Amino acid sequence: MSHQPDAITALDIPLPAPEDLDDDMRRYLEICQEKLGLVPNVLAAYTFDQDKMRNFSNFYNELMLGKSGLSKLEREMIAVVVSSINHCFYCLVAHGQSVRQLSGDPALGELLVMNYRAATLDARQRAMLDFAAKLTESPDKIDEPDRQALRDAGFNERDIFDIASTAGFFNMTNRVAAGVGMMPNKEYHALNR
């Protein structure tokens, strides 16, 4: 028995069949299936508007996989901490799994989901997550001392931009997921435990 609803979202928007997608979008979903073993529900949810799907996918891929002074794990850690503050079920499940996979530490994924401050983190990670948390909880209170704390922890100006962009992106996606009642793929729950 599964306690999670079966729908991708709570909205009644018809989604196209894979064969009805444009070639590039159909291929993108095929690559996801090949690499991940599933098509993330967030992508499936966007198939109703392929321009939105392209824009979302391009920005996500550049932000999370593109060149950065932040590791893939650090970007996923930001995603989980922001999503924890926002209580975003979709992102906590999906990105919590990514943290477990990338770190090889299931406990780290769970600690970040529940309370990153309880995790044993190095000074760099702590500063990064403190900044992401503050940017999520009270963006109007971010000031130069907050950016300086990141510099003091070893981040450069580009890194600070990437931390802010990653936190900002997940604040946006958390709100979309909450607004449309988006459900994570059930497969994520059991992975990398």
N, C-alpha and C. Protein backbone atom coordinates (compact mmCIF):
# COMPACT_ATOMS: atom_id res chain seq x y z
N MET A 1 0.84 -1.18 0.00
CA MET A 1 0.00 0.00 0.00
C MET A 1 0.89 1.24 0.00
N SER A 2 0.51 2.21 -0.78
CA SER A 2 1.23 3.48 -0.81
C SER A 2 0.33 4.57 -0.25
N HIS A 3 0.91 5.39 0.60
CA HIS A 3 0.15 6.49 1.19
C HIS A 3 0.20 7.74 0.32
N GLN A 4 1.08 7.74 -0.67
CA GLN A 4 1.24 8.90 -1.55
C GLN A 4 0.22 8.84 -2.68
N PRO A 5 -0.45 9.95 -2.98
CA PRO A 5 -1.38 9.97 -4.12
C PRO A 5 -0.68 9.55 -5.42
N ASP A 6 -1.45 8.96 -6.32
CA ASP A 6 -0.89 8.47 -7.58
C ASP A 6 -0.72 9.55 -8.64
N ALA A 7 -1.42 10.64 -8.56
CA ALA A 7 -1.37 11.67 -9.59
C ALA A 7 -0.03 12.40 -9.57
N ILE A 8 0.38 12.90 -10.72
CA ILE A 8 1.60 13.71 -10.81
C ILE A 8 1.35 15.06 -10.16
N THR A 9 0.21 15.66 -10.45
CA THR A 9 -0.19 16.92 -9.81
C THR A 9 -1.68 16.82 -9.45
N ALA A 10 -2.14 17.79 -8.70
CA ALA A 10 -3.55 17.86 -8.33
C ALA A 10 -4.38 18.54 -9.41
N LEU A 11 -3.74 19.00 -10.48
CA LEU A 11 -4.45 19.71 -11.55
C LEU A 11 -4.92 18.73 -12.61
N ASP A 12 -6.01 19.06 -13.22
CA ASP A 12 -6.56 18.23 -14.29
C ASP A 12 -6.14 18.81 -15.65
N ILE A 13 -4.84 18.74 -15.91
CA ILE A 13 -4.30 19.22 -17.19
C ILE A 13 -3.89 17.98 -17.98
N PRO A 14 -4.49 17.77 -19.15
CA PRO A 14 -4.11 16.61 -19.95
C PRO A 14 -2.64 16.70 -20.38
N LEU A 15 -1.92 15.60 -20.18
CA LEU A 15 -0.52 15.55 -20.58
C LEU A 15 -0.41 14.76 -21.88
N PRO A 16 0.43 15.22 -22.79
CA PRO A 16 0.54 14.53 -24.08
C PRO A 16 1.24 13.18 -23.94
N ALA A 17 0.93 12.29 -24.85
CA ALA A 17 1.65 11.02 -24.93
C ALA A 17 3.07 11.32 -25.42
N PRO A 18 4.05 10.51 -25.03
CA PRO A 18 5.44 10.76 -25.45
C PRO A 18 5.58 10.93 -26.96
N GLU A 19 4.84 10.18 -27.72
CA GLU A 19 4.96 10.28 -29.19
C GLU A 19 4.42 11.59 -29.74
N ASP A 20 3.66 12.33 -28.93
CA ASP A 20 3.14 13.62 -29.36
C ASP A 20 4.05 14.79 -29.00
N LEU A 21 5.15 14.51 -28.34
CA LEU A 21 6.10 15.56 -27.98
C LEU A 21 7.01 15.88 -29.16
N ASP A 22 7.57 17.08 -29.15
CA ASP A 22 8.58 17.45 -30.14
C ASP A 22 9.76 16.51 -30.00
N ASP A 23 10.50 16.32 -31.07
CA ASP A 23 11.62 15.37 -31.06
C ASP A 23 12.62 15.64 -29.94
N ASP A 24 12.97 16.92 -29.72
CA ASP A 24 13.98 17.22 -28.70
C ASP A 24 13.47 16.91 -27.29
N MET A 25 12.21 17.17 -27.04
CA MET A 25 11.65 16.90 -25.72
C MET A 25 11.45 15.40 -25.49
N ARG A 26 11.02 14.70 -26.53
CA ARG A 26 10.87 13.26 -26.42
C ARG A 26 12.24 12.63 -26.14
N ARG A 27 13.28 13.09 -26.83
CA ARG A 27 14.63 12.55 -26.62
C ARG A 27 15.12 12.89 -25.22
N TYR A 28 14.83 14.08 -24.74
CA TYR A 28 15.25 14.47 -23.39
C TYR A 28 14.64 13.53 -22.34
N LEU A 29 13.37 13.22 -22.49
CA LEU A 29 12.73 12.31 -21.54
C LEU A 29 13.28 10.89 -21.68
N GLU A 30 13.63 10.49 -22.88
CA GLU A 30 14.26 9.18 -23.09
C GLU A 30 15.61 9.11 -22.39
N ILE A 31 16.38 10.19 -22.46
CA ILE A 31 17.69 10.25 -21.79
C ILE A 31 17.50 10.16 -20.28
N CYS A 32 16.50 10.87 -19.75
CA CYS A 32 16.20 10.77 -18.31
C CYS A 32 15.90 9.33 -17.93
N GLN A 33 15.07 8.68 -18.72
CA GLN A 33 14.70 7.29 -18.45
C GLN A 33 15.94 6.40 -18.47
N GLU A 34 16.83 6.61 -19.45
CA GLU A 34 18.05 5.81 -19.56
C GLU A 34 18.99 6.05 -18.38
N LYS A 35 19.21 7.31 -18.03
CA LYS A 35 20.19 7.65 -16.99
C LYS A 35 19.66 7.45 -15.58
N LEU A 36 18.40 7.80 -15.36
CA LEU A 36 17.83 7.78 -14.01
C LEU A 36 16.97 6.55 -13.74
N GLY A 37 16.52 5.91 -14.80
CA GLY A 37 15.60 4.81 -14.63
C GLY A 37 14.16 5.26 -14.47
N LEU A 38 13.93 6.56 -14.66
CA LEU A 38 12.59 7.13 -14.55
C LEU A 38 12.58 8.51 -15.20
N VAL A 39 11.40 8.99 -15.47
CA VAL A 39 11.21 10.37 -15.91
C VAL A 39 10.70 11.13 -14.71
N PRO A 40 11.49 12.08 -14.17
CA PRO A 40 11.02 12.82 -13.00
C PRO A 40 9.65 13.44 -13.23
N ASN A 41 8.78 13.31 -12.24
CA ASN A 41 7.43 13.84 -12.38
C ASN A 41 7.40 15.33 -12.67
N VAL A 42 8.40 16.07 -12.20
CA VAL A 42 8.42 17.50 -12.50
C VAL A 42 8.51 17.73 -14.00
N LEU A 43 9.26 16.90 -14.69
CA LEU A 43 9.34 17.04 -16.15
C LEU A 43 8.06 16.58 -16.81
N ALA A 44 7.51 15.47 -16.35
CA ALA A 44 6.24 15.00 -16.89
C ALA A 44 5.16 16.07 -16.73
N ALA A 45 5.17 16.75 -15.59
CA ALA A 45 4.17 17.78 -15.33
C ALA A 45 4.26 18.94 -16.31
N TYR A 46 5.46 19.24 -16.78
CA TYR A 46 5.66 20.36 -17.70
C TYR A 46 5.38 20.00 -19.16
N THR A 47 5.13 18.74 -19.48
CA THR A 47 4.95 18.36 -20.88
C THR A 47 3.75 19.02 -21.55
N PHE A 48 2.80 19.50 -20.76
CA PHE A 48 1.63 20.15 -21.36
C PHE A 48 2.02 21.43 -22.10
N ASP A 49 3.18 22.02 -21.76
CA ASP A 49 3.67 23.24 -22.42
C ASP A 49 5.16 23.06 -22.67
N GLN A 50 5.50 22.63 -23.86
CA GLN A 50 6.88 22.25 -24.14
C GLN A 50 7.85 23.43 -24.09
N ASP A 51 7.38 24.65 -24.34
CA ASP A 51 8.26 25.81 -24.19
C ASP A 51 8.64 25.99 -22.72
N LYS A 52 7.66 25.87 -21.82
CA LYS A 52 7.96 25.95 -20.39
C LYS A 52 8.89 24.81 -19.97
N MET A 53 8.64 23.63 -20.52
CA MET A 53 9.48 22.47 -20.21
C MET A 53 10.93 22.70 -20.65
N ARG A 54 11.11 23.24 -21.84
CA ARG A 54 12.47 23.55 -22.33
C ARG A 54 13.16 24.57 -21.43
N ASN A 55 12.45 25.65 -21.13
CA ASN A 55 13.05 26.70 -20.29
C ASN A 55 13.40 26.17 -18.91
N PHE A 56 12.48 25.42 -18.30
CA PHE A 56 12.72 24.85 -17.00
C PHE A 56 13.93 23.91 -17.05
N SER A 57 13.94 23.01 -18.01
CA SER A 57 15.02 22.02 -18.13
C SER A 57 16.36 22.67 -18.40
N ASN A 58 16.38 23.65 -19.29
CA ASN A 58 17.65 24.32 -19.60
C ASN A 58 18.20 25.05 -18.38
N PHE A 59 17.34 25.76 -17.66
CA PHE A 59 17.81 26.49 -16.49
C PHE A 59 18.25 25.52 -15.40
N TYR A 60 17.46 24.49 -15.15
CA TYR A 60 17.83 23.50 -14.14
C TYR A 60 19.18 22.86 -14.48
N ASN A 61 19.34 22.42 -15.72
CA ASN A 61 20.58 21.73 -16.10
C ASN A 61 21.79 22.65 -16.00
N GLU A 62 21.64 23.90 -16.38
CA GLU A 62 22.76 24.83 -16.27
C GLU A 62 23.09 25.10 -14.80
N LEU A 63 22.06 25.30 -14.01
CA LEU A 63 22.25 25.60 -12.59
C LEU A 63 22.83 24.43 -11.81
N MET A 64 22.31 23.25 -12.04
CA MET A 64 22.68 22.10 -11.21
C MET A 64 23.80 21.25 -11.79
N LEU A 65 24.02 21.33 -13.10
CA LEU A 65 25.03 20.49 -13.73
C LEU A 65 26.12 21.28 -14.44
N GLY A 66 25.90 22.59 -14.62
CA GLY A 66 26.85 23.42 -15.35
C GLY A 66 28.10 23.74 -14.54
N LYS A 67 28.99 24.45 -15.18
CA LYS A 67 30.26 24.84 -14.55
C LYS A 67 29.98 25.72 -13.33
N SER A 68 30.65 25.38 -12.23
CA SER A 68 30.45 26.12 -10.99
C SER A 68 31.55 25.74 -10.02
N GLY A 69 31.85 26.64 -9.10
CA GLY A 69 32.76 26.34 -8.00
C GLY A 69 32.08 25.48 -6.94
N LEU A 70 30.78 25.30 -7.07
CA LEU A 70 30.02 24.44 -6.16
C LEU A 70 29.96 23.04 -6.75
N SER A 71 30.16 22.05 -5.92
CA SER A 71 30.04 20.67 -6.38
C SER A 71 28.57 20.35 -6.61
N LYS A 72 28.31 19.27 -7.33
CA LYS A 72 26.94 18.81 -7.52
C LYS A 72 26.30 18.52 -6.16
N LEU A 73 27.06 17.88 -5.26
CA LEU A 73 26.54 17.60 -3.93
C LEU A 73 26.17 18.89 -3.20
N GLU A 74 27.03 19.90 -3.25
CA GLU A 74 26.72 21.16 -2.56
C GLU A 74 25.44 21.79 -3.11
N ARG A 75 25.24 21.74 -4.41
CA ARG A 75 24.03 22.30 -5.00
C ARG A 75 22.80 21.51 -4.54
N GLU A 76 22.93 20.19 -4.47
CA GLU A 76 21.83 19.36 -3.99
C GLU A 76 21.56 19.63 -2.51
N MET A 77 22.61 19.87 -1.73
CA MET A 77 22.42 20.19 -0.31
C MET A 77 21.61 21.48 -0.16
N ILE A 78 21.92 22.48 -0.99
CA ILE A 78 21.14 23.72 -0.96
C ILE A 78 19.68 23.43 -1.29
N ALA A 79 19.46 22.62 -2.32
CA ALA A 79 18.09 22.28 -2.72
C ALA A 79 17.32 21.67 -1.55
N VAL A 80 17.96 20.77 -0.81
CA VAL A 80 17.28 20.10 0.29
C VAL A 80 17.02 21.06 1.45
N VAL A 81 17.99 21.88 1.80
CA VAL A 81 17.79 22.80 2.92
C VAL A 81 16.69 23.82 2.61
N VAL A 82 16.70 24.38 1.42
CA VAL A 82 15.64 25.31 1.03
C VAL A 82 14.29 24.60 1.06
N SER A 83 14.25 23.40 0.51
CA SER A 83 12.99 22.64 0.45
C SER A 83 12.51 22.22 1.83
N SER A 84 13.45 21.99 2.76
CA SER A 84 13.07 21.66 4.13
C SER A 84 12.37 22.85 4.79
N ILE A 85 12.93 24.01 4.61
CA ILE A 85 12.32 25.23 5.18
C ILE A 85 10.93 25.45 4.60
N ASN A 86 10.79 25.18 3.30
CA ASN A 86 9.52 25.40 2.60
C ASN A 86 8.57 24.20 2.70
N HIS A 87 9.01 23.12 3.34
CA HIS A 87 8.20 21.90 3.47
C HIS A 87 7.73 21.38 2.11
N CYS A 88 8.64 21.37 1.14
CA CYS A 88 8.29 20.92 -0.21
C CYS A 88 8.51 19.41 -0.30
N PHE A 89 7.43 18.67 -0.26
CA PHE A 89 7.49 17.21 -0.29
C PHE A 89 8.22 16.72 -1.54
N TYR A 90 7.85 17.26 -2.70
CA TYR A 90 8.47 16.80 -3.95
C TYR A 90 9.99 16.92 -3.87
N CYS A 91 10.49 18.10 -3.58
CA CYS A 91 11.94 18.33 -3.62
C CYS A 91 12.67 17.64 -2.47
N LEU A 92 12.04 17.52 -1.33
CA LEU A 92 12.68 16.80 -0.23
C LEU A 92 12.91 15.34 -0.60
N VAL A 93 11.94 14.73 -1.24
CA VAL A 93 12.07 13.34 -1.64
C VAL A 93 13.08 13.20 -2.77
N ALA A 94 12.93 13.99 -3.83
CA ALA A 94 13.79 13.85 -5.01
C ALA A 94 15.23 14.29 -4.73
N HIS A 95 15.41 15.43 -4.10
CA HIS A 95 16.77 15.94 -3.88
C HIS A 95 17.40 15.34 -2.63
N GLY A 96 16.58 14.90 -1.69
CA GLY A 96 17.12 14.12 -0.58
C GLY A 96 17.77 12.85 -1.09
N GLN A 97 17.13 12.21 -2.08
CA GLN A 97 17.71 11.02 -2.70
C GLN A 97 19.03 11.37 -3.39
N SER A 98 19.10 12.51 -4.05
CA SER A 98 20.36 12.91 -4.71
C SER A 98 21.48 13.12 -3.69
N VAL A 99 21.15 13.73 -2.55
CA VAL A 99 22.17 13.90 -1.50
C VAL A 99 22.64 12.53 -1.01
N ARG A 100 21.71 11.61 -0.78
CA ARG A 100 22.11 10.27 -0.35
C ARG A 100 23.02 9.61 -1.37
N GLN A 101 22.67 9.75 -2.65
CA GLN A 101 23.45 9.13 -3.71
C GLN A 101 24.84 9.77 -3.84
N LEU A 102 24.89 11.08 -3.91
CA LEU A 102 26.17 11.78 -4.14
C LEU A 102 27.10 11.72 -2.95
N SER A 103 26.55 11.71 -1.74
CA SER A 103 27.38 11.68 -0.54
C SER A 103 27.73 10.26 -0.10
N GLY A 104 26.91 9.30 -0.54
CA GLY A 104 27.08 7.93 -0.05
C GLY A 104 26.69 7.79 1.42
N ASP A 105 25.95 8.78 1.92
CA ASP A 105 25.61 8.83 3.34
C ASP A 105 24.11 9.06 3.51
N PRO A 106 23.33 7.98 3.70
CA PRO A 106 21.89 8.16 3.88
C PRO A 106 21.54 9.06 5.06
N ALA A 107 22.35 9.02 6.12
CA ALA A 107 22.06 9.86 7.29
C ALA A 107 22.17 11.34 6.95
N LEU A 108 23.13 11.71 6.10
CA LEU A 108 23.27 13.12 5.72
C LEU A 108 22.01 13.59 5.02
N GLY A 109 21.51 12.79 4.09
CA GLY A 109 20.28 13.17 3.39
C GLY A 109 19.13 13.41 4.36
N GLU A 110 18.99 12.52 5.34
CA GLU A 110 17.90 12.66 6.31
C GLU A 110 18.11 13.86 7.24
N LEU A 111 19.36 14.08 7.66
CA LEU A 111 19.63 15.24 8.53
C LEU A 111 19.31 16.55 7.81
N LEU A 112 19.69 16.65 6.54
CA LEU A 112 19.41 17.88 5.79
C LEU A 112 17.91 18.08 5.62
N VAL A 113 17.17 17.00 5.45
CA VAL A 113 15.72 17.08 5.32
C VAL A 113 15.10 17.60 6.62
N MET A 114 15.59 17.10 7.75
CA MET A 114 14.97 17.44 9.03
C MET A 114 15.50 18.74 9.64
N ASN A 115 16.85 18.87 9.68
CA ASN A 115 17.45 20.05 10.30
C ASN A 115 18.95 20.03 10.00
N TYR A 116 19.36 20.78 9.00
CA TYR A 116 20.77 20.75 8.59
C TYR A 116 21.70 21.16 9.71
N ARG A 117 21.21 21.93 10.67
CA ARG A 117 22.07 22.39 11.77
C ARG A 117 22.50 21.24 12.70
N ALA A 118 21.80 20.11 12.63
CA ALA A 118 22.15 18.95 13.44
C ALA A 118 23.21 18.08 12.77
N ALA A 119 23.51 18.35 11.50
CA ALA A 119 24.49 17.55 10.76
C ALA A 119 25.91 18.02 11.05
N THR A 120 26.85 17.09 10.98
CA THR A 120 28.27 17.43 11.08
C THR A 120 28.71 17.90 9.70
N LEU A 121 28.96 19.19 9.58
CA LEU A 121 29.33 19.80 8.31
C LEU A 121 30.64 20.56 8.49
N ASP A 122 31.39 20.70 7.40
CA ASP A 122 32.59 21.53 7.49
C ASP A 122 32.17 23.00 7.44
N ALA A 123 33.12 23.88 7.73
CA ALA A 123 32.80 25.32 7.82
C ALA A 123 32.26 25.86 6.50
N ARG A 124 32.77 25.37 5.39
CA ARG A 124 32.31 25.82 4.07
C ARG A 124 30.84 25.45 3.88
N GLN A 125 30.50 24.19 4.11
CA GLN A 125 29.12 23.74 3.94
C GLN A 125 28.18 24.47 4.90
N ARG A 126 28.61 24.66 6.14
CA ARG A 126 27.77 25.34 7.13
C ARG A 126 27.47 26.78 6.68
N ALA A 127 28.50 27.50 6.23
CA ALA A 127 28.30 28.88 5.78
C ALA A 127 27.35 28.93 4.58
N MET A 128 27.55 28.01 3.64
CA MET A 128 26.72 27.96 2.44
C MET A 128 25.25 27.71 2.80
N LEU A 129 25.02 26.75 3.68
CA LEU A 129 23.65 26.41 4.04
C LEU A 129 23.01 27.45 4.95
N ASP A 130 23.82 28.09 5.81
CA ASP A 130 23.29 29.20 6.61
C ASP A 130 22.80 30.33 5.71
N PHE A 131 23.59 30.63 4.67
CA PHE A 131 23.22 31.68 3.73
C PHE A 131 21.93 31.30 2.98
N ALA A 132 21.87 30.06 2.47
CA ALA A 132 20.68 29.60 1.74
C ALA A 132 19.45 29.63 2.63
N ALA A 133 19.61 29.23 3.88
CA ALA A 133 18.49 29.25 4.82
C ALA A 133 18.01 30.68 5.07
N LYS A 134 18.95 31.58 5.31
CA LYS A 134 18.56 32.98 5.56
C LYS A 134 17.91 33.59 4.32
N LEU A 135 18.45 33.29 3.15
CA LEU A 135 17.88 33.82 1.91
C LEU A 135 16.45 33.29 1.71
N THR A 136 16.17 32.10 2.19
CA THR A 136 14.84 31.51 2.08
C THR A 136 13.89 32.10 3.13
N GLU A 137 14.36 32.20 4.36
CA GLU A 137 13.50 32.63 5.46
C GLU A 137 13.29 34.14 5.51
N SER A 138 14.32 34.90 5.22
CA SER A 138 14.20 36.37 5.33
C SER A 138 15.14 37.04 4.32
N PRO A 139 14.77 36.97 3.04
CA PRO A 139 15.64 37.53 2.00
C PRO A 139 15.91 39.02 2.17
N ASP A 140 14.99 39.73 2.78
CA ASP A 140 15.18 41.17 2.98
C ASP A 140 16.26 41.48 4.02
N LYS A 141 16.70 40.47 4.74
CA LYS A 141 17.72 40.68 5.77
C LYS A 141 19.13 40.30 5.30
N ILE A 142 19.27 39.81 4.07
CA ILE A 142 20.60 39.51 3.53
C ILE A 142 21.35 40.83 3.36
N ASP A 143 22.59 40.84 3.84
CA ASP A 143 23.39 42.06 3.79
C ASP A 143 24.84 41.68 3.54
N GLU A 144 25.69 42.66 3.41
CA GLU A 144 27.10 42.41 3.10
C GLU A 144 27.78 41.46 4.09
N PRO A 145 27.52 41.54 5.39
CA PRO A 145 28.14 40.56 6.29
C PRO A 145 27.81 39.11 5.95
N ASP A 146 26.63 38.87 5.38
CA ASP A 146 26.26 37.50 4.97
C ASP A 146 27.13 37.04 3.80
N ARG A 147 27.34 37.94 2.85
CA ARG A 147 28.21 37.60 1.72
C ARG A 147 29.66 37.46 2.18
N GLN A 148 30.07 38.30 3.12
CA GLN A 148 31.44 38.22 3.63
C GLN A 148 31.68 36.90 4.35
N ALA A 149 30.68 36.41 5.05
CA ALA A 149 30.82 35.12 5.73
C ALA A 149 31.09 34.01 4.71
N LEU A 150 30.49 34.11 3.53
CA LEU A 150 30.76 33.13 2.48
C LEU A 150 32.19 33.29 1.96
N ARG A 151 32.62 34.52 1.76
CA ARG A 151 34.01 34.75 1.33
C ARG A 151 34.99 34.18 2.36
N ASP A 152 34.70 34.43 3.62
CA ASP A 152 35.57 33.94 4.69
C ASP A 152 35.63 32.42 4.73
N ALA A 153 34.58 31.76 4.24
CA ALA A 153 34.53 30.29 4.20
C ALA A 153 35.18 29.73 2.94
N GLY A 154 35.65 30.63 2.05
CA GLY A 154 36.37 30.18 0.87
C GLY A 154 35.62 30.31 -0.45
N PHE A 155 34.45 30.90 -0.43
CA PHE A 155 33.69 31.07 -1.67
C PHE A 155 34.12 32.35 -2.38
N ASN A 156 34.17 32.29 -3.71
CA ASN A 156 34.46 33.50 -4.48
C ASN A 156 33.15 34.15 -4.92
N GLU A 157 33.26 35.25 -5.63
CA GLU A 157 32.07 36.02 -6.02
C GLU A 157 31.13 35.19 -6.89
N ARG A 158 31.68 34.45 -7.83
CA ARG A 158 30.86 33.60 -8.70
C ARG A 158 30.15 32.53 -7.88
N ASP A 159 30.86 31.95 -6.92
CA ASP A 159 30.25 30.93 -6.05
C ASP A 159 29.05 31.51 -5.30
N ILE A 160 29.22 32.74 -4.81
CA ILE A 160 28.13 33.39 -4.06
C ILE A 160 26.91 33.58 -4.97
N PHE A 161 27.17 33.98 -6.21
CA PHE A 161 26.08 34.12 -7.18
C PHE A 161 25.39 32.77 -7.39
N ASP A 162 26.19 31.70 -7.49
CA ASP A 162 25.62 30.37 -7.71
C ASP A 162 24.84 29.87 -6.49
N ILE A 163 25.31 30.18 -5.29
CA ILE A 163 24.57 29.81 -4.08
C ILE A 163 23.22 30.52 -4.07
N ALA A 164 23.24 31.83 -4.34
CA ALA A 164 21.99 32.60 -4.36
C ALA A 164 21.06 32.11 -5.47
N SER A 165 21.61 31.81 -6.63
CA SER A 165 20.78 31.33 -7.75
C SER A 165 20.15 29.98 -7.44
N THR A 166 20.91 29.09 -6.84
CA THR A 166 20.39 27.76 -6.51
C THR A 166 19.29 27.88 -5.45
N ALA A 167 19.55 28.66 -4.41
CA ALA A 167 18.52 28.86 -3.38
C ALA A 167 17.28 29.53 -3.98
N GLY A 168 17.48 30.52 -4.83
CA GLY A 168 16.35 31.21 -5.45
C GLY A 168 15.53 30.28 -6.34
N PHE A 169 16.22 29.45 -7.13
CA PHE A 169 15.53 28.52 -8.01
C PHE A 169 14.65 27.56 -7.21
N PHE A 170 15.20 27.01 -6.14
CA PHE A 170 14.41 26.05 -5.37
C PHE A 170 13.30 26.71 -4.57
N ASN A 171 13.45 27.95 -4.18
CA ASN A 171 12.32 28.66 -3.59
C ASN A 171 11.19 28.77 -4.60
N MET A 172 11.53 29.06 -5.85
CA MET A 172 10.50 29.15 -6.90
C MET A 172 9.87 27.79 -7.15
N THR A 173 10.67 26.75 -7.36
CA THR A 173 10.11 25.44 -7.69
C THR A 173 9.32 24.85 -6.52
N ASN A 174 9.75 25.13 -5.29
CA ASN A 174 8.98 24.67 -4.13
C ASN A 174 7.57 25.26 -4.15
N ARG A 175 7.47 26.51 -4.51
CA ARG A 175 6.17 27.16 -4.53
C ARG A 175 5.30 26.63 -5.66
N VAL A 176 5.90 26.37 -6.81
CA VAL A 176 5.14 25.76 -7.91
C VAL A 176 4.66 24.37 -7.50
N ALA A 177 5.56 23.56 -6.94
CA ALA A 177 5.19 22.21 -6.52
C ALA A 177 4.05 22.24 -5.50
N ALA A 178 4.13 23.14 -4.54
CA ALA A 178 3.06 23.26 -3.55
C ALA A 178 1.76 23.73 -4.20
N GLY A 179 1.88 24.69 -5.09
CA GLY A 179 0.69 25.27 -5.73
C GLY A 179 -0.07 24.29 -6.60
N VAL A 180 0.64 23.38 -7.25
CA VAL A 180 -0.03 22.42 -8.14
C VAL A 180 -0.16 21.04 -7.53
N GLY A 181 0.29 20.88 -6.27
CA GLY A 181 0.18 19.58 -5.61
C GLY A 181 1.03 18.50 -6.27
N MET A 182 2.25 18.85 -6.65
CA MET A 182 3.12 17.91 -7.36
C MET A 182 3.63 16.81 -6.44
N MET A 183 3.58 15.59 -6.92
CA MET A 183 4.03 14.42 -6.18
C MET A 183 5.33 13.89 -6.77
N PRO A 184 6.27 13.49 -5.91
CA PRO A 184 7.52 12.91 -6.42
C PRO A 184 7.28 11.50 -6.95
N ASN A 185 8.20 11.05 -7.79
CA ASN A 185 8.16 9.66 -8.24
C ASN A 185 8.32 8.76 -7.03
N LYS A 186 7.52 7.75 -6.92
CA LYS A 186 7.54 6.85 -5.76
C LYS A 186 8.89 6.12 -5.65
N GLU A 187 9.56 5.91 -6.77
CA GLU A 187 10.84 5.20 -6.77
C GLU A 187 11.88 5.89 -5.92
N TYR A 188 11.84 7.21 -5.83
CA TYR A 188 12.84 7.96 -5.08
C TYR A 188 12.92 7.54 -3.60
N HIS A 189 11.79 7.18 -3.03
CA HIS A 189 11.73 6.90 -1.59
C HIS A 189 12.72 5.83 -1.14
N ALA A 190 12.89 4.81 -1.95
CA ALA A 190 13.71 3.66 -1.52
C ALA A 190 15.15 3.72 -2.00
N LEU A 191 15.49 4.67 -2.85
CA LEU A 191 16.83 4.70 -3.45
C LEU A 191 17.90 5.18 -2.47
N ASN A 192 19.08 4.57 -2.57
CA ASN A 192 20.29 4.98 -1.84
C ASN A 192 20.10 5.03 -0.35
N ARG A 193 19.46 4.04 0.18
CA ARG A 193 19.29 3.93 1.63
C ARG A 193 20.14 2.81 2.15
